[in-house]
Amino acid sequence: MTVYDKTVNKIRALPEPLLNEVNDFVDFLLQKKDYKNIQVQKDIIESLDTAKSGFSDYLQNLEEYETKLVNGEIKW
């Protein structure tokens, strides 16, 4: 017998008031899972935004450096 089957059998044996509690707990578990997925997505987006902003500064600084090199304002 699988864990699923064991769990379903236990749930079937519960009286109605406890079924409401089990149902609430299952909702909690599902929301918790969704929250973790949402949080992971937010963390990834934040990391990408940070990386992009840092990279754009780097590119701007690199372009300024190259321009100064070309104009002879600085030496290699």
C-alpha atoms as a PDB file:
ATOM      1  CA  MET A   1       0.000   0.000   0.000  1.00  0.00           C
ATOM      2  CA  THR A   2       1.349   3.426  -0.954  1.00  0.00           C
ATOM      3  CA  VAL A   3       1.572   6.480   1.288  1.00  0.00           C
ATOM      4  CA  TYR A   4      -1.240   7.985  -0.766  1.00  0.00           C
ATOM      5  CA  ASP A   5      -3.497   4.980  -0.121  1.00  0.00           C
ATOM      6  CA  LYS A   6      -2.650   4.955   3.595  1.00  0.00           C
ATOM      7  CA  THR A   7      -3.401   8.660   3.883  1.00  0.00           C
ATOM      8  CA  VAL A   8      -6.702   8.390   2.013  1.00  0.00           C
ATOM      9  CA  ASN A   9      -7.786   5.509   4.263  1.00  0.00           C
ATOM     10  CA  LYS A  10      -6.950   7.521   7.376  1.00  0.00           C
ATOM     11  CA  ILE A  11      -8.833  10.541   6.046  1.00  0.00           C
ATOM     12  CA  ARG A  12     -11.891   8.405   5.277  1.00  0.00           C
ATOM     13  CA  ALA A  13     -11.949   7.250   8.904  1.00  0.00           C
ATOM     14  CA  LEU A  14     -12.001  10.781  10.324  1.00  0.00           C
ATOM     15  CA  PRO A  15     -15.147  12.449  11.653  1.00  0.00           C
ATOM     16  CA  GLU A  16     -16.380  15.588   9.888  1.00  0.00           C
ATOM     17  CA  PRO A  17     -14.856  18.169  12.287  1.00  0.00           C
ATOM     18  CA  LEU A  18     -11.402  16.668  11.815  1.00  0.00           C
ATOM     19  CA  LEU A  19     -11.880  16.584   8.050  1.00  0.00           C
ATOM     20  CA  ASN A  20     -12.222  20.375   8.152  1.00  0.00           C
ATOM     21  CA  GLU A  21      -8.896  20.595   9.978  1.00  0.00           C
ATOM     22  CA  VAL A  22      -7.225  18.260   7.500  1.00  0.00           C
ATOM     23  CA  ASN A  23      -8.639  20.310   4.641  1.00  0.00           C
ATOM     24  CA  ASP A  24      -7.299  23.522   6.205  1.00  0.00           C
ATOM     25  CA  PHE A  25      -3.902  21.916   6.688  1.00  0.00           C
ATOM     26  CA  VAL A  26      -3.788  20.735   3.071  1.00  0.00           C
ATOM     27  CA  ASP A  27      -4.627  24.294   1.962  1.00  0.00           C
ATOM     28  CA  PHE A  28      -1.805  25.565   4.166  1.00  0.00           C
ATOM     29  CA  LEU A  29       0.661  23.107   2.615  1.00  0.00           C
ATOM     30  CA  LEU A  30      -0.373  24.103  -0.890  1.00  0.00           C
ATOM     31  CA  GLN A  31      -0.051  27.815  -0.105  1.00  0.00           C
ATOM     32  CA  LYS A  32       3.323  27.210   1.501  1.00  0.00           C
ATOM     33  CA  LYS A  33       4.504  25.435  -1.655  1.00  0.00           C
ATOM     34  CA  ASP A  34       3.178  28.262  -3.846  1.00  0.00           C
ATOM     35  CA  TYR A  35       4.839  30.848  -1.579  1.00  0.00           C
ATOM     36  CA  LYS A  36       8.192  29.087  -1.892  1.00  0.00           C
ATOM     37  CA  ASN A  37       7.855  28.991  -5.683  1.00  0.00           C
ATOM     38  CA  ILE A  38       6.903  32.669  -5.772  1.00  0.00           C
ATOM     39  CA  GLN A  39       9.788  33.573  -3.443  1.00  0.00           C
ATOM     40  CA  VAL A  40      12.261  31.645  -5.607  1.00  0.00           C
ATOM     41  CA  GLN A  41      10.978  33.463  -8.689  1.00  0.00           C
ATOM     42  CA  LYS A  42      11.311  36.836  -6.932  1.00  0.00           C
ATOM     43  CA  ASP A  43      14.854  35.980  -5.829  1.00  0.00           C
ATOM     44  CA  ILE A  44      15.827  35.024  -9.389  1.00  0.00           C
ATOM     45  CA  ILE A  45      14.349  38.219 -10.836  1.00  0.00           C
ATOM     46  CA  GLU A  46      16.088  40.318  -8.180  1.00  0.00           C
ATOM     47  CA  SER A  47      19.408  38.607  -8.914  1.00  0.00           C
ATOM     48  CA  LEU A  48      19.006  39.189 -12.632  1.00  0.00           C
ATOM     49  CA  ASP A  49      18.121  42.831 -12.073  1.00  0.00           C
ATOM     50  CA  THR A  50      21.181  43.267  -9.867  1.00  0.00           C
ATOM     51  CA  ALA A  51      23.405  41.581 -12.420  1.00  0.00           C
ATOM     52  CA  LYS A  52      21.999  43.672 -15.266  1.00  0.00           C
ATOM     53  CA  SER A  53      22.387  46.951 -13.411  1.00  0.00           C
ATOM     54  CA  GLY A  54      25.944  46.124 -12.425  1.00  0.00           C
ATOM     55  CA  PHE A  55      26.780  45.074 -15.950  1.00  0.00           C
ATOM     56  CA  SER A  56      25.379  48.238 -17.491  1.00  0.00           C
ATOM     57  CA  ASP A  57      27.584  50.313 -15.187  1.00  0.00           C
ATOM     58  CA  TYR A  58      30.534  48.188 -16.202  1.00  0.00           C
ATOM     59  CA  LEU A  59      29.783  48.675 -19.898  1.00  0.00           C
ATOM     60  CA  GLN A  60      29.402  52.430 -19.477  1.00  0.00           C
ATOM     61  CA  ASN A  61      32.699  52.632 -17.599  1.00  0.00           C
ATOM     62  CA  LEU A  62      34.392  50.472 -20.231  1.00  0.00           C
ATOM     63  CA  GLU A  63      33.130  52.686 -23.042  1.00  0.00           C
ATOM     64  CA  GLU A  64      34.380  55.803 -21.248  1.00  0.00           C
ATOM     65  CA  TYR A  65      37.767  54.142 -20.663  1.00  0.00           C
ATOM     66  CA  GLU A  66      38.057  53.121 -24.325  1.00  0.00           C
ATOM     67  CA  THR A  67      37.132  56.643 -25.449  1.00  0.00           C
ATOM     68  CA  LYS A  68      39.813  58.131 -23.199  1.00  0.00           C
ATOM     69  CA  LEU A  69      42.341  55.628 -24.569  1.00  0.00           C
ATOM     70  CA  VAL A  70      41.454  56.535 -28.162  1.00  0.00           C
ATOM     71  CA  ASN A  71      41.649  60.278 -27.422  1.00  0.00           C
ATOM     72  CA  GLY A  72      45.008  59.813 -25.754  1.00  0.00           C
ATOM     73  CA  GLU A  73      43.700  61.114 -22.442  1.00  0.00           C
ATOM     74  CA  ILE A  74      45.114  58.039 -20.693  1.00  0.00           C
ATOM     75  CA  LYS A  75      47.830  55.559 -21.593  1.00  0.00           C
ATOM     76  CA  TRP A  76      47.594  51.807 -21.560  1.00  0.00           C
END
